[in-house]
Amino acid sequence: CDGVDADCLRRYRKGGGRWRYLLQRRAARLARAPDGLSSASQLGPGKLLEALGCYLAGLAAAHLGDVDAGLLAILASLFLLARVVYVICYVSNLATLRSLCWIAGFGCCLTLVALGALGS
């Protein structure tokens, strides 16, 4: 049962109490974590690379569109900062701030693509 009591598992199988079952599983995973952090701490480096494709596409579009190097450097730095803070929020289980960091990073990528398309 992976650290879940049988009564909760029975309610889950009957279709009721799904949220309680999931919460107990999460609590069991957190209790087993060796460093006291969530199991997300082992996924942090992978989270840093998940937006790499969008970032590289934005850089390529901005480069081909002859975007000013200073503006390109600022947007690239903001993207990297947003991704690093995103990983910190992911490991710390700060969902709202994590979402804002993801939006900021994605916004930098979209801005790079838009500037490249406009040829600024």
PDB file of N, CA and C in Angstrom:
ATOM      1  N   CYS A   1       0.802  -1.205   0.000  1.00  0.00           N
ATOM      2  CA  CYS A   1       0.000   0.000   0.000  1.00  0.00           C
ATOM      3  C   CYS A   1       0.841   1.264   0.000  1.00  0.00           C
ATOM      4  N   ASP A   2       2.176   1.137   0.021  1.00  0.00           N
ATOM      5  CA  ASP A   2       3.065   2.289  -0.100  1.00  0.00           C
ATOM      6  C   ASP A   2       2.837   3.305   1.021  1.00  0.00           C
ATOM      7  N   GLY A   3       2.728   2.834   2.252  1.00  0.00           N
ATOM      8  CA  GLY A   3       2.591   3.729   3.385  1.00  0.00           C
ATOM      9  C   GLY A   3       1.198   4.282   3.605  1.00  0.00           C
ATOM     10  N   VAL A   4       0.191   3.707   2.982  1.00  0.00           N
ATOM     11  CA  VAL A   4      -1.182   4.192   3.112  1.00  0.00           C
ATOM     12  C   VAL A   4      -1.982   3.140   3.860  1.00  0.00           C
ATOM     13  N   ASP A   5      -2.823   3.592   4.806  1.00  0.00           N
ATOM     14  CA  ASP A   5      -3.592   2.626   5.573  1.00  0.00           C
ATOM     15  C   ASP A   5      -4.672   1.978   4.694  1.00  0.00           C
ATOM     16  N   ALA A   6      -5.084   0.768   5.064  1.00  0.00           N
ATOM     17  CA  ALA A   6      -6.009  -0.033   4.256  1.00  0.00           C
ATOM     18  C   ALA A   6      -7.386   0.615   4.138  1.00  0.00           C
ATOM     19  N   ASP A   7      -7.838   1.298   5.197  1.00  0.00           N
ATOM     20  CA  ASP A   7      -9.152   1.943   5.152  1.00  0.00           C
ATOM     21  C   ASP A   7      -9.197   3.033   4.081  1.00  0.00           C
ATOM     22  N   CYS A   8      -8.167   3.814   3.995  1.00  0.00           N
ATOM     23  CA  CYS A   8      -8.116   4.871   2.986  1.00  0.00           C
ATOM     24  C   CYS A   8      -8.066   4.267   1.579  1.00  0.00           C
ATOM     25  N   LEU A   9      -7.312   3.206   1.432  1.00  0.00           N
ATOM     26  CA  LEU A   9      -7.230   2.534   0.137  1.00  0.00           C
ATOM     27  C   LEU A   9      -8.587   1.951  -0.256  1.00  0.00           C
ATOM     28  N   ARG A  10      -9.330   1.406   0.715  1.00  0.00           N
ATOM     29  CA  ARG A  10     -10.654   0.854   0.426  1.00  0.00           C
ATOM     30  C   ARG A  10     -11.603   1.951  -0.048  1.00  0.00           C
ATOM     31  N   ARG A  11     -11.586   3.115   0.631  1.00  0.00           N
ATOM     32  CA  ARG A  11     -12.435   4.223   0.211  1.00  0.00           C
ATOM     33  C   ARG A  11     -12.060   4.719  -1.183  1.00  0.00           C
ATOM     34  N   TYR A  12     -10.766   4.700  -1.469  1.00  0.00           N
ATOM     35  CA  TYR A  12     -10.326   5.137  -2.800  1.00  0.00           C
ATOM     36  C   TYR A  12     -10.860   4.185  -3.868  1.00  0.00           C
ATOM     37  N   ARG A  13     -10.785   2.916  -3.622  1.00  0.00           N
ATOM     38  CA  ARG A  13     -11.257   1.935  -4.611  1.00  0.00           C
ATOM     39  C   ARG A  13     -12.760   1.995  -4.803  1.00  0.00           C
ATOM     40  N   LYS A  14     -13.500   2.404  -3.780  1.00  0.00           N
ATOM     41  CA  LYS A  14     -14.954   2.534  -3.905  1.00  0.00           C
ATOM     42  C   LYS A  14     -15.328   3.827  -4.629  1.00  0.00           C
ATOM     43  N   GLY A  15     -14.374   4.703  -4.852  1.00  0.00           N
ATOM     44  CA  GLY A  15     -14.662   5.938  -5.563  1.00  0.00           C
ATOM     45  C   GLY A  15     -14.763   7.156  -4.671  1.00  0.00           C
ATOM     46  N   GLY A  16     -14.740   6.987  -3.359  1.00  0.00           N
ATOM     47  CA  GLY A  16     -14.834   8.131  -2.459  1.00  0.00           C
ATOM     48  C   GLY A  16     -13.512   8.378  -1.773  1.00  0.00           C
ATOM     49  N   GLY A  17     -13.317   9.580  -1.322  1.00  0.00           N
ATOM     50  CA  GLY A  17     -12.124   9.899  -0.541  1.00  0.00           C
ATOM     51  C   GLY A  17     -10.847   9.950  -1.353  1.00  0.00           C
ATOM     52  N   ARG A  18     -10.947  10.242  -2.626  1.00  0.00           N
ATOM     53  CA  ARG A  18      -9.749  10.257  -3.466  1.00  0.00           C
ATOM     54  C   ARG A  18      -8.723  11.295  -2.975  1.00  0.00           C
ATOM     55  N   TRP A  19      -9.192  12.460  -2.603  1.00  0.00           N
ATOM     56  CA  TRP A  19      -8.269  13.506  -2.189  1.00  0.00           C
ATOM     57  C   TRP A  19      -7.526  13.115  -0.916  1.00  0.00           C
ATOM     58  N   ARG A  20      -8.219  12.440  -0.001  1.00  0.00           N
ATOM     59  CA  ARG A  20      -7.580  12.031   1.253  1.00  0.00           C
ATOM     60  C   ARG A  20      -6.507  10.980   0.984  1.00  0.00           C
ATOM     61  N   TYR A  21      -6.809  10.069   0.071  1.00  0.00           N
ATOM     62  CA  TYR A  21      -5.836   9.048  -0.316  1.00  0.00           C
ATOM     63  C   TYR A  21      -4.585   9.708  -0.903  1.00  0.00           C
ATOM     64  N   LEU A  22      -4.783  10.667  -1.791  1.00  0.00           N
ATOM     65  CA  LEU A  22      -3.648  11.324  -2.427  1.00  0.00           C
ATOM     66  C   LEU A  22      -2.838  12.135  -1.421  1.00  0.00           C
ATOM     67  N   LEU A  23      -3.524  12.784  -0.480  1.00  0.00           N
ATOM     68  CA  LEU A  23      -2.807  13.537   0.544  1.00  0.00           C
ATOM     69  C   LEU A  23      -1.988  12.624   1.448  1.00  0.00           C
ATOM     70  N   GLN A  24      -2.545  11.477   1.790  1.00  0.00           N
ATOM     71  CA  GLN A  24      -1.804  10.555   2.637  1.00  0.00           C
ATOM     72  C   GLN A  24      -0.596   9.980   1.900  1.00  0.00           C
ATOM     73  N   ARG A  25      -0.738   9.719   0.617  1.00  0.00           N
ATOM     74  CA  ARG A  25       0.409   9.236  -0.172  1.00  0.00           C
ATOM     75  C   ARG A  25       1.500  10.289  -0.220  1.00  0.00           C
ATOM     76  N   ARG A  26       1.093  11.545  -0.409  1.00  0.00           N
ATOM     77  CA  ARG A  26       2.083  12.623  -0.454  1.00  0.00           C
ATOM     78  C   ARG A  26       2.782  12.761   0.890  1.00  0.00           C
ATOM     79  N   ALA A  27       2.020  12.662   1.980  1.00  0.00           N
ATOM     80  CA  ALA A  27       2.614  12.749   3.312  1.00  0.00           C
ATOM     81  C   ALA A  27       3.590  11.603   3.550  1.00  0.00           C
ATOM     82  N   ALA A  28       3.252  10.424   3.059  1.00  0.00           N
ATOM     83  CA  ALA A  28       4.144   9.275   3.206  1.00  0.00           C
ATOM     84  C   ALA A  28       5.432   9.492   2.414  1.00  0.00           C
ATOM     85  N   ARG A  29       5.333  10.069   1.213  1.00  0.00           N
ATOM     86  CA  ARG A  29       6.529  10.349   0.410  1.00  0.00           C
ATOM     87  C   ARG A  29       7.414  11.376   1.097  1.00  0.00           C
ATOM     88  N   LEU A  30       6.800  12.413   1.657  1.00  0.00           N
ATOM     89  CA  LEU A  30       7.576  13.440   2.347  1.00  0.00           C
ATOM     90  C   LEU A  30       8.268  12.874   3.581  1.00  0.00           C
ATOM     91  N   ALA A  31       7.596  11.962   4.270  1.00  0.00           N
ATOM     92  CA  ALA A  31       8.188  11.366   5.467  1.00  0.00           C
ATOM     93  C   ALA A  31       9.387  10.493   5.112  1.00  0.00           C
ATOM     94  N   ARG A  32       9.372   9.905   3.922  1.00  0.00           N
ATOM     95  CA  ARG A  32      10.475   9.042   3.503  1.00  0.00           C
ATOM     96  C   ARG A  32      11.648   9.810   2.905  1.00  0.00           C
ATOM     97  N   ALA A  33      11.463  11.104   2.600  1.00  0.00           N
ATOM     98  CA  ALA A  33      12.536  11.885   1.982  1.00  0.00           C
ATOM     99  C   ALA A  33      13.706  11.990   2.946  1.00  0.00           C
ATOM    100  N   PRO A  34      14.917  11.632   2.517  1.00  0.00           N
ATOM    101  CA  PRO A  34      16.062  11.596   3.431  1.00  0.00           C
ATOM    102  C   PRO A  34      16.515  12.961   3.911  1.00  0.00           C
ATOM    103  N   ASP A  35      16.318  14.012   3.121  1.00  0.00           N
ATOM    104  CA  ASP A  35      16.827  15.319   3.490  1.00  0.00           C
ATOM    105  C   ASP A  35      15.779  16.242   4.087  1.00  0.00           C
ATOM    106  N   GLY A  36      14.573  15.749   4.296  1.00  0.00           N
ATOM    107  CA  GLY A  36      13.527  16.570   4.873  1.00  0.00           C
ATOM    108  C   GLY A  36      12.797  17.416   3.848  1.00  0.00           C
ATOM    109  N   LEU A  37      13.308  17.451   2.631  1.00  0.00           N
ATOM    110  CA  LEU A  37      12.638  18.185   1.564  1.00  0.00           C
ATOM    111  C   LEU A  37      11.738  17.238   0.804  1.00  0.00           C
ATOM    112  N   SER A  38      10.922  17.781  -0.052  1.00  0.00           N
ATOM    113  CA  SER A  38      10.057  16.935  -0.859  1.00  0.00           C
ATOM    114  C   SER A  38      10.886  16.188  -1.890  1.00  0.00           C
ATOM    115  N   SER A  39      10.274  15.195  -2.504  1.00  0.00           N
ATOM    116  CA  SER A  39      10.980  14.437  -3.527  1.00  0.00           C
ATOM    117  C   SER A  39      11.253  15.298  -4.742  1.00  0.00           C
ATOM    118  N   ALA A  40      10.684  16.502  -4.788  1.00  0.00           N
ATOM    119  CA  ALA A  40      10.945  17.419  -5.890  1.00  0.00           C
ATOM    120  C   ALA A  40      12.395  17.874  -5.907  1.00  0.00           C
ATOM    121  N   SER A  41      13.082  17.780  -4.769  1.00  0.00           N
ATOM    122  CA  SER A  41      14.464  18.239  -4.728  1.00  0.00           C
ATOM    123  C   SER A  41      15.358  17.418  -5.638  1.00  0.00           C
ATOM    124  N   GLN A  42      14.965  16.199  -5.961  1.00  0.00           N
ATOM    125  CA  GLN A  42      15.750  15.391  -6.875  1.00  0.00           C
ATOM    126  C   GLN A  42      15.436  15.735  -8.321  1.00  0.00           C
ATOM    127  N   LEU A  43      14.365  16.476  -8.588  1.00  0.00           N
ATOM    128  CA  LEU A  43      13.967  16.816  -9.942  1.00  0.00           C
ATOM    129  C   LEU A  43      14.407  18.211 -10.348  1.00  0.00           C
ATOM    130  N   GLY A  44      15.017  18.951  -9.447  1.00  0.00           N
ATOM    131  CA  GLY A  44      15.360  20.328  -9.712  1.00  0.00           C
ATOM    132  C   GLY A  44      16.166  20.571 -10.975  1.00  0.00           C
ATOM    133  N   PRO A  45      17.310  19.897 -11.192  1.00  0.00           N
ATOM    134  CA  PRO A  45      18.085  20.148 -12.406  1.00  0.00           C
ATOM    135  C   PRO A  45      17.313  19.864 -13.691  1.00  0.00           C
ATOM    136  N   GLY A  46      16.454  18.870 -13.685  1.00  0.00           N
ATOM    137  CA  GLY A  46      15.646  18.582 -14.860  1.00  0.00           C
ATOM    138  C   GLY A  46      14.655  19.691 -15.140  1.00  0.00           C
ATOM    139  N   LYS A  47      14.164  20.336 -14.094  1.00  0.00           N
ATOM    140  CA  LYS A  47      13.237  21.442 -14.263  1.00  0.00           C
ATOM    141  C   LYS A  47      13.925  22.641 -14.907  1.00  0.00           C
ATOM    142  N   LEU A  48      15.223  22.771 -14.700  1.00  0.00           N
ATOM    143  CA  LEU A  48      15.949  23.869 -15.299  1.00  0.00           C
ATOM    144  C   LEU A  48      16.040  23.719 -16.813  1.00  0.00           C
ATOM    145  N   LEU A  49      16.006  22.480 -17.307  1.00  0.00           N
ATOM    146  CA  LEU A  49      16.171  22.230 -18.732  1.00  0.00           C
ATOM    147  C   LEU A  49      14.861  22.087 -19.497  1.00  0.00           C
ATOM    148  N   GLU A  50      13.735  22.078 -18.816  1.00  0.00           N
ATOM    149  CA  GLU A  50      12.474  21.807 -19.509  1.00  0.00           C
ATOM    150  C   GLU A  50      12.073  22.908 -20.481  1.00  0.00           C
ATOM    151  N   ALA A  51      12.546  24.128 -20.290  1.00  0.00           N
ATOM    152  CA  ALA A  51      12.189  25.238 -21.170  1.00  0.00           C
ATOM    153  C   ALA A  51      13.307  25.567 -22.156  1.00  0.00           C
ATOM    154  N   LEU A  52      14.277  24.685 -22.259  1.00  0.00           N
ATOM    155  CA  LEU A  52      15.427  24.957 -23.108  1.00  0.00           C
ATOM    156  C   LEU A  52      15.039  25.120 -24.573  1.00  0.00           C
ATOM    157  N   GLY A  53      14.109  24.323 -25.064  1.00  0.00           N
ATOM    158  CA  GLY A  53      13.695  24.405 -26.460  1.00  0.00           C
ATOM    159  C   GLY A  53      13.091  25.754 -26.800  1.00  0.00           C
ATOM    160  N   CYS A  54      12.203  26.229 -25.955  1.00  0.00           N
ATOM    161  CA  CYS A  54      11.573  27.543 -26.159  1.00  0.00           C
ATOM    162  C   CYS A  54      12.620  28.652 -26.088  1.00  0.00           C
ATOM    163  N   TYR A  55      13.528  28.535 -25.161  1.00  0.00           N
ATOM    164  CA  TYR A  55      14.578  29.542 -24.991  1.00  0.00           C
ATOM    165  C   TYR A  55      15.486  29.594 -26.223  1.00  0.00           C
ATOM    166  N   LEU A  56      15.906  28.428 -26.713  1.00  0.00           N
ATOM    167  CA  LEU A  56      16.776  28.396 -27.885  1.00  0.00           C
ATOM    168  C   LEU A  56      16.060  28.903 -29.128  1.00  0.00           C
ATOM    169  N   ALA A  57      14.778  28.598 -29.261  1.00  0.00           N
ATOM    170  CA  ALA A  57      14.005  29.124 -30.392  1.00  0.00           C
ATOM    171  C   ALA A  57      13.913  30.647 -30.317  1.00  0.00           C
ATOM    172  N   GLY A  58      13.706  31.181 -29.136  1.00  0.00           N
ATOM    173  CA  GLY A  58      13.658  32.628 -28.962  1.00  0.00           C
ATOM    174  C   GLY A  58      14.989  33.284 -29.282  1.00  0.00           C
ATOM    175  N   LEU A  59      16.083  32.662 -28.824  1.00  0.00           N
ATOM    176  CA  LEU A  59      17.401  33.212 -29.137  1.00  0.00           C
ATOM    177  C   LEU A  59      17.684  33.169 -30.629  1.00  0.00           C
ATOM    178  N   ALA A  60      17.329  32.070 -31.274  1.00  0.00           N
ATOM    179  CA  ALA A  60      17.558  31.952 -32.719  1.00  0.00           C
ATOM    180  C   ALA A  60      16.742  32.982 -33.483  1.00  0.00           C
ATOM    181  N   ALA A  61      15.480  33.157 -33.121  1.00  0.00           N
ATOM    182  CA  ALA A  61      14.626  34.132 -33.798  1.00  0.00           C
ATOM    183  C   ALA A  61      15.156  35.545 -33.588  1.00  0.00           C
ATOM    184  N   ALA A  62      15.586  35.844 -32.369  1.00  0.00           N
ATOM    185  CA  ALA A  62      16.109  37.184 -32.086  1.00  0.00           C
ATOM    186  C   ALA A  62      17.417  37.428 -32.835  1.00  0.00           C
ATOM    187  N   HIS A  63      18.241  36.409 -32.925  1.00  0.00           N
ATOM    188  CA  HIS A  63      19.509  36.546 -33.643  1.00  0.00           C
ATOM    189  C   HIS A  63      19.267  36.746 -35.137  1.00  0.00           C
ATOM    190  N   LEU A  64      18.354  35.968 -35.696  1.00  0.00           N
ATOM    191  CA  LEU A  64      18.051  36.101 -37.127  1.00  0.00           C
ATOM    192  C   LEU A  64      17.336  37.418 -37.440  1.00  0.00           C
ATOM    193  N   GLY A  65      16.630  37.968 -36.473  1.00  0.00           N
ATOM    194  CA  GLY A  65      15.928  39.233 -36.659  1.00  0.00           C
ATOM    195  C   GLY A  65      16.778  40.441 -36.337  1.00  0.00           C
ATOM    196  N   ASP A  66      18.056  40.232 -36.085  1.00  0.00           N
ATOM    197  CA  ASP A  66      19.000  41.322 -35.772  1.00  0.00           C
ATOM    198  C   ASP A  66      18.538  42.193 -34.607  1.00  0.00           C
ATOM    199  N   VAL A  67      18.146  41.556 -33.525  1.00  0.00           N
ATOM    200  CA  VAL A  67      17.763  42.277 -32.313  1.00  0.00           C
ATOM    201  C   VAL A  67      19.023  42.825 -31.663  1.00  0.00           C
ATOM    202  N   ASP A  68      18.921  44.019 -31.084  1.00  0.00           N
ATOM    203  CA  ASP A  68      20.040  44.656 -30.414  1.00  0.00           C
ATOM    204  C   ASP A  68      20.649  43.710 -29.375  1.00  0.00           C
ATOM    205  N   ALA A  69      21.980  43.639 -29.360  1.00  0.00           N
ATOM    206  CA  ALA A  69      22.678  42.707 -28.478  1.00  0.00           C
ATOM    207  C   ALA A  69      22.424  43.013 -27.003  1.00  0.00           C
ATOM    208  N   GLY A  70      22.321  44.290 -26.652  1.00  0.00           N
ATOM    209  CA  GLY A  70      22.057  44.655 -25.258  1.00  0.00           C
ATOM    210  C   GLY A  70      20.691  44.171 -24.789  1.00  0.00           C
ATOM    211  N   LEU A  71      19.684  44.380 -25.633  1.00  0.00           N
ATOM    212  CA  LEU A  71      18.333  43.914 -25.305  1.00  0.00           C
ATOM    213  C   LEU A  71      18.272  42.390 -25.234  1.00  0.00           C
ATOM    214  N   LEU A  72      18.978  41.751 -26.154  1.00  0.00           N
ATOM    215  CA  LEU A  72      19.041  40.282 -26.161  1.00  0.00           C
ATOM    216  C   LEU A  72      19.667  39.768 -24.868  1.00  0.00           C
ATOM    217  N   ALA A  73      20.743  40.416 -24.434  1.00  0.00           N
ATOM    218  CA  ALA A  73      21.419  40.005 -23.195  1.00  0.00           C
ATOM    219  C   ALA A  73      20.513  40.200 -21.980  1.00  0.00           C
ATOM    220  N   ILE A  74      19.777  41.302 -21.957  1.00  0.00           N
ATOM    221  CA  ILE A  74      18.874  41.560 -20.824  1.00  0.00           C
ATOM    222  C   ILE A  74      17.774  40.512 -20.760  1.00  0.00           C
ATOM    223  N   LEU A  75      17.138  40.237 -21.909  1.00  0.00           N
ATOM    224  CA  LEU A  75      16.053  39.243 -21.917  1.00  0.00           C
ATOM    225  C   LEU A  75      16.567  37.840 -21.601  1.00  0.00           C
ATOM    226  N   ALA A  76      17.739  37.504 -22.115  1.00  0.00           N
ATOM    227  CA  ALA A  76      18.315  36.186 -21.830  1.00  0.00           C
ATOM    228  C   ALA A  76      18.653  36.061 -20.343  1.00  0.00           C
ATOM    229  N   SER A  77      19.200  37.122 -19.762  1.00  0.00           N
ATOM    230  CA  SER A  77      19.523  37.099 -18.326  1.00  0.00           C
ATOM    231  C   SER A  77      18.272  37.001 -17.471  1.00  0.00           C
ATOM    232  N   LEU A  78      17.224  37.724 -17.849  1.00  0.00           N
ATOM    233  CA  LEU A  78      15.965  37.640 -17.103  1.00  0.00           C
ATOM    234  C   LEU A  78      15.367  36.236 -17.186  1.00  0.00           C
ATOM    235  N   PHE A  79      15.467  35.624 -18.373  1.00  0.00           N
ATOM    236  CA  PHE A  79      14.965  34.253 -18.520  1.00  0.00           C
ATOM    237  C   PHE A  79      15.722  33.302 -17.596  1.00  0.00           C
ATOM    238  N   LEU A  80      17.038  33.384 -17.623  1.00  0.00           N
ATOM    239  CA  LEU A  80      17.838  32.478 -16.787  1.00  0.00           C
ATOM    240  C   LEU A  80      17.572  32.711 -15.299  1.00  0.00           C
ATOM    241  N   LEU A  81      17.433  33.966 -14.904  1.00  0.00           N
ATOM    242  CA  LEU A  81      17.108  34.277 -13.510  1.00  0.00           C
ATOM    243  C   LEU A  81      15.746  33.699 -13.131  1.00  0.00           C
ATOM    244  N   ALA A  82      14.757  33.858 -14.019  1.00  0.00           N
ATOM    245  CA  ALA A  82      13.425  33.319 -13.748  1.00  0.00           C
ATOM    246  C   ALA A  82      13.466  31.804 -13.607  1.00  0.00           C
ATOM    247  N   ARG A  83      14.271  31.125 -14.426  1.00  0.00           N
ATOM    248  CA  ARG A  83      14.349  29.665 -14.350  1.00  0.00           C
ATOM    249  C   ARG A  83      15.033  29.194 -13.069  1.00  0.00           C
ATOM    250  N   VAL A  84      16.059  29.899 -12.641  1.00  0.00           N
ATOM    251  CA  VAL A  84      16.741  29.514 -11.401  1.00  0.00           C
ATOM    252  C   VAL A  84      15.804  29.710 -10.211  1.00  0.00           C
ATOM    253  N   VAL A  85      15.101  30.832 -10.178  1.00  0.00           N
ATOM    254  CA  VAL A  85      14.145  31.075  -9.089  1.00  0.00           C
ATOM    255  C   VAL A  85      13.003  30.062  -9.172  1.00  0.00           C
ATOM    256  N   TYR A  86      12.608  29.665 -10.391  1.00  0.00           N
ATOM    257  CA  TYR A  86      11.573  28.648 -10.574  1.00  0.00           C
ATOM    258  C   TYR A  86      11.982  27.336  -9.895  1.00  0.00           C
ATOM    259  N   VAL A  87      13.217  26.918 -10.105  1.00  0.00           N
ATOM    260  CA  VAL A  87      13.686  25.663  -9.497  1.00  0.00           C
ATOM    261  C   VAL A  87      13.709  25.786  -7.979  1.00  0.00           C
ATOM    262  N   ILE A  88      14.147  26.922  -7.467  1.00  0.00           N
ATOM    263  CA  ILE A  88      14.150  27.124  -6.016  1.00  0.00           C
ATOM    264  C   ILE A  88      12.724  27.041  -5.468  1.00  0.00           C
ATOM    265  N   CYS A  89      11.783  27.665  -6.167  1.00  0.00           N
ATOM    266  CA  CYS A  89      10.375  27.602  -5.737  1.00  0.00           C
ATOM    267  C   CYS A  89       9.828  26.186  -5.855  1.00  0.00           C
ATOM    268  N   TYR A  90      10.264  25.447  -6.859  1.00  0.00           N
ATOM    269  CA  TYR A  90       9.808  24.073  -7.049  1.00  0.00           C
ATOM    270  C   TYR A  90      10.253  23.193  -5.886  1.00  0.00           C
ATOM    271  N   VAL A  91      11.503  23.341  -5.515  1.00  0.00           N
ATOM    272  CA  VAL A  91      12.039  22.538  -4.409  1.00  0.00           C
ATOM    273  C   VAL A  91      11.412  22.959  -3.084  1.00  0.00           C
ATOM    274  N   SER A  92      11.133  24.245  -2.935  1.00  0.00           N
ATOM    275  CA  SER A  92      10.556  24.763  -1.691  1.00  0.00           C
ATOM    276  C   SER A  92       9.037  24.621  -1.623  1.00  0.00           C
ATOM    277  N   ASN A  93       8.421  24.124  -2.685  1.00  0.00           N
ATOM    278  CA  ASN A  93       6.978  23.902  -2.758  1.00  0.00           C
ATOM    279  C   ASN A  93       6.194  25.215  -2.626  1.00  0.00           C
ATOM    280  N   LEU A  94       6.641  26.222  -3.366  1.00  0.00           N
ATOM    281  CA  LEU A  94       5.958  27.518  -3.408  1.00  0.00           C
ATOM    282  C   LEU A  94       5.259  27.629  -4.756  1.00  0.00           C
ATOM    283  N   ALA A  95       4.053  27.117  -4.836  1.00  0.00           N
ATOM    284  CA  ALA A  95       3.374  26.951  -6.121  1.00  0.00           C
ATOM    285  C   ALA A  95       3.047  28.263  -6.821  1.00  0.00           C
ATOM    286  N   THR A  96       2.533  29.242  -6.107  1.00  0.00           N
ATOM    287  CA  THR A  96       2.135  30.490  -6.747  1.00  0.00           C
ATOM    288  C   THR A  96       3.345  31.247  -7.289  1.00  0.00           C
ATOM    289  N   LEU A  97       4.374  31.366  -6.477  1.00  0.00           N
ATOM    290  CA  LEU A  97       5.588  32.045  -6.924  1.00  0.00           C
ATOM    291  C   LEU A  97       6.248  31.275  -8.066  1.00  0.00           C
ATOM    292  N   ARG A  98       6.191  29.957  -7.982  1.00  0.00           N
ATOM    293  CA  ARG A  98       6.739  29.118  -9.055  1.00  0.00           C
ATOM    294  C   ARG A  98       6.016  29.386 -10.369  1.00  0.00           C
ATOM    295  N   SER A  99       4.705  29.514 -10.332  1.00  0.00           N
ATOM    296  CA  SER A  99       3.937  29.801 -11.538  1.00  0.00           C
ATOM    297  C   SER A  99       4.288  31.174 -12.111  1.00  0.00           C
ATOM    298  N   LEU A 100       4.466  32.154 -11.235  1.00  0.00           N
ATOM    299  CA  LEU A 100       4.851  33.486 -11.691  1.00  0.00           C
ATOM    300  C   LEU A 100       6.231  33.477 -12.346  1.00  0.00           C
ATOM    301  N   CYS A 101       7.140  32.696 -11.798  1.00  0.00           N
ATOM    302  CA  CYS A 101       8.479  32.585 -12.396  1.00  0.00           C
ATOM    303  C   CYS A 101       8.410  31.899 -13.750  1.00  0.00           C
ATOM    304  N   TRP A 102       7.575  30.889 -13.862  1.00  0.00           N
ATOM    305  CA  TRP A 102       7.414  30.209 -15.155  1.00  0.00           C
ATOM    306  C   TRP A 102       6.856  31.174 -16.192  1.00  0.00           C
ATOM    307  N   ILE A 103       5.851  31.952 -15.803  1.00  0.00           N
ATOM    308  CA  ILE A 103       5.241  32.925 -16.719  1.00  0.00           C
ATOM    309  C   ILE A 103       6.275  33.975 -17.137  1.00  0.00           C
ATOM    310  N   ALA A 104       7.096  34.433 -16.196  1.00  0.00           N
ATOM    311  CA  ALA A 104       8.127  35.426 -16.520  1.00  0.00           C
ATOM    312  C   ALA A 104       9.138  34.854 -17.512  1.00  0.00           C
ATOM    313  N   GLY A 105       9.572  33.619 -17.293  1.00  0.00           N
ATOM    314  CA  GLY A 105      10.519  32.996 -18.218  1.00  0.00           C
ATOM    315  C   GLY A 105       9.929  32.781 -19.593  1.00  0.00           C
ATOM    316  N   PHE A 106       8.695  32.318 -19.630  1.00  0.00           N
ATOM    317  CA  PHE A 106       8.027  32.098 -20.910  1.00  0.00           C
ATOM    318  C   PHE A 106       7.774  33.423 -21.618  1.00  0.00           C
ATOM    319  N   GLY A 107       7.449  34.453 -20.845  1.00  0.00           N
ATOM    320  CA  GLY A 107       7.272  35.783 -21.424  1.00  0.00           C
ATOM    321  C   GLY A 107       8.552  36.303 -22.060  1.00  0.00           C
ATOM    322  N   CYS A 108       9.699  36.027 -21.436  1.00  0.00           N
ATOM    323  CA  CYS A 108      10.983  36.415 -22.039  1.00  0.00           C
ATOM    324  C   CYS A 108      11.193  35.697 -23.366  1.00  0.00           C
ATOM    325  N   CYS A 109      10.857  34.405 -23.410  1.00  0.00           N
ATOM    326  CA  CYS A 109      10.990  33.642 -24.660  1.00  0.00           C
ATOM    327  C   CYS A 109      10.080  34.205 -25.740  1.00  0.00           C
ATOM    328  N   LEU A 110       8.831  34.484 -25.388  1.00  0.00           N
ATOM    329  CA  LEU A 110       7.898  35.031 -26.368  1.00  0.00           C
ATOM    330  C   LEU A 110       8.334  36.417 -26.840  1.00  0.00           C
ATOM    331  N   THR A 111       8.899  37.205 -25.942  1.00  0.00           N
ATOM    332  CA  THR A 111       9.396  38.528 -26.323  1.00  0.00           C
ATOM    333  C   THR A 111      10.559  38.403 -27.303  1.00  0.00           C
ATOM    334  N   LEU A 112      11.445  37.449 -27.060  1.00  0.00           N
ATOM    335  CA  LEU A 112      12.555  37.221 -27.983  1.00  0.00           C
ATOM    336  C   LEU A 112      12.044  36.831 -29.370  1.00  0.00           C
ATOM    337  N   VAL A 113      11.069  35.943 -29.405  1.00  0.00           N
ATOM    338  CA  VAL A 113      10.505  35.517 -30.690  1.00  0.00           C
ATOM    339  C   VAL A 113       9.821  36.694 -31.392  1.00  0.00           C
ATOM    340  N   ALA A 114       9.047  37.477 -30.638  1.00  0.00           N
ATOM    341  CA  ALA A 114       8.329  38.614 -31.223  1.00  0.00           C
ATOM    342  C   ALA A 114       9.300  39.672 -31.752  1.00  0.00           C
ATOM    343  N   LEU A 115      10.336  39.964 -30.998  1.00  0.00           N
ATOM    344  CA  LEU A 115      11.313  40.948 -31.449  1.00  0.00           C
ATOM    345  C   LEU A 115      12.046  40.455 -32.691  1.00  0.00           C
ATOM    346  N   GLY A 116      12.333  39.152 -32.718  1.00  0.00           N
ATOM    347  CA  GLY A 116      12.977  38.585 -33.897  1.00  0.00           C
ATOM    348  C   GLY A 116      12.073  38.645 -35.114  1.00  0.00           C
ATOM    349  N   ALA A 117      10.776  38.406 -34.923  1.00  0.00           N
ATOM    350  CA  ALA A 117       9.831  38.442 -36.034  1.00  0.00           C
ATOM    351  C   ALA A 117       9.627  39.870 -36.541  1.00  0.00           C
ATOM    352  N   LEU A 118       9.658  40.825 -35.615  1.00  0.00           N
ATOM    353  CA  LEU A 118       9.482  42.226 -36.015  1.00  0.00           C
ATOM    354  C   LEU A 118      10.760  42.821 -36.596  1.00  0.00           C
ATOM    355  N   GLY A 119      11.880  42.148 -36.347  1.00  0.00           N
ATOM    356  CA  GLY A 119      13.145  42.626 -36.877  1.00  0.00           C
ATOM    357  C   GLY A 119      13.645  43.881 -36.209  1.00  0.00           C
ATOM    358  N   SER A 120      13.408  43.992 -34.895  1.00  0.00           N
ATOM    359  CA  SER A 120      13.800  45.211 -34.171  1.00  0.00           C
ATOM    360  C   SER A 120      15.283  45.283 -34.049  1.00  0.00           C
TER     361      SER A 120
END
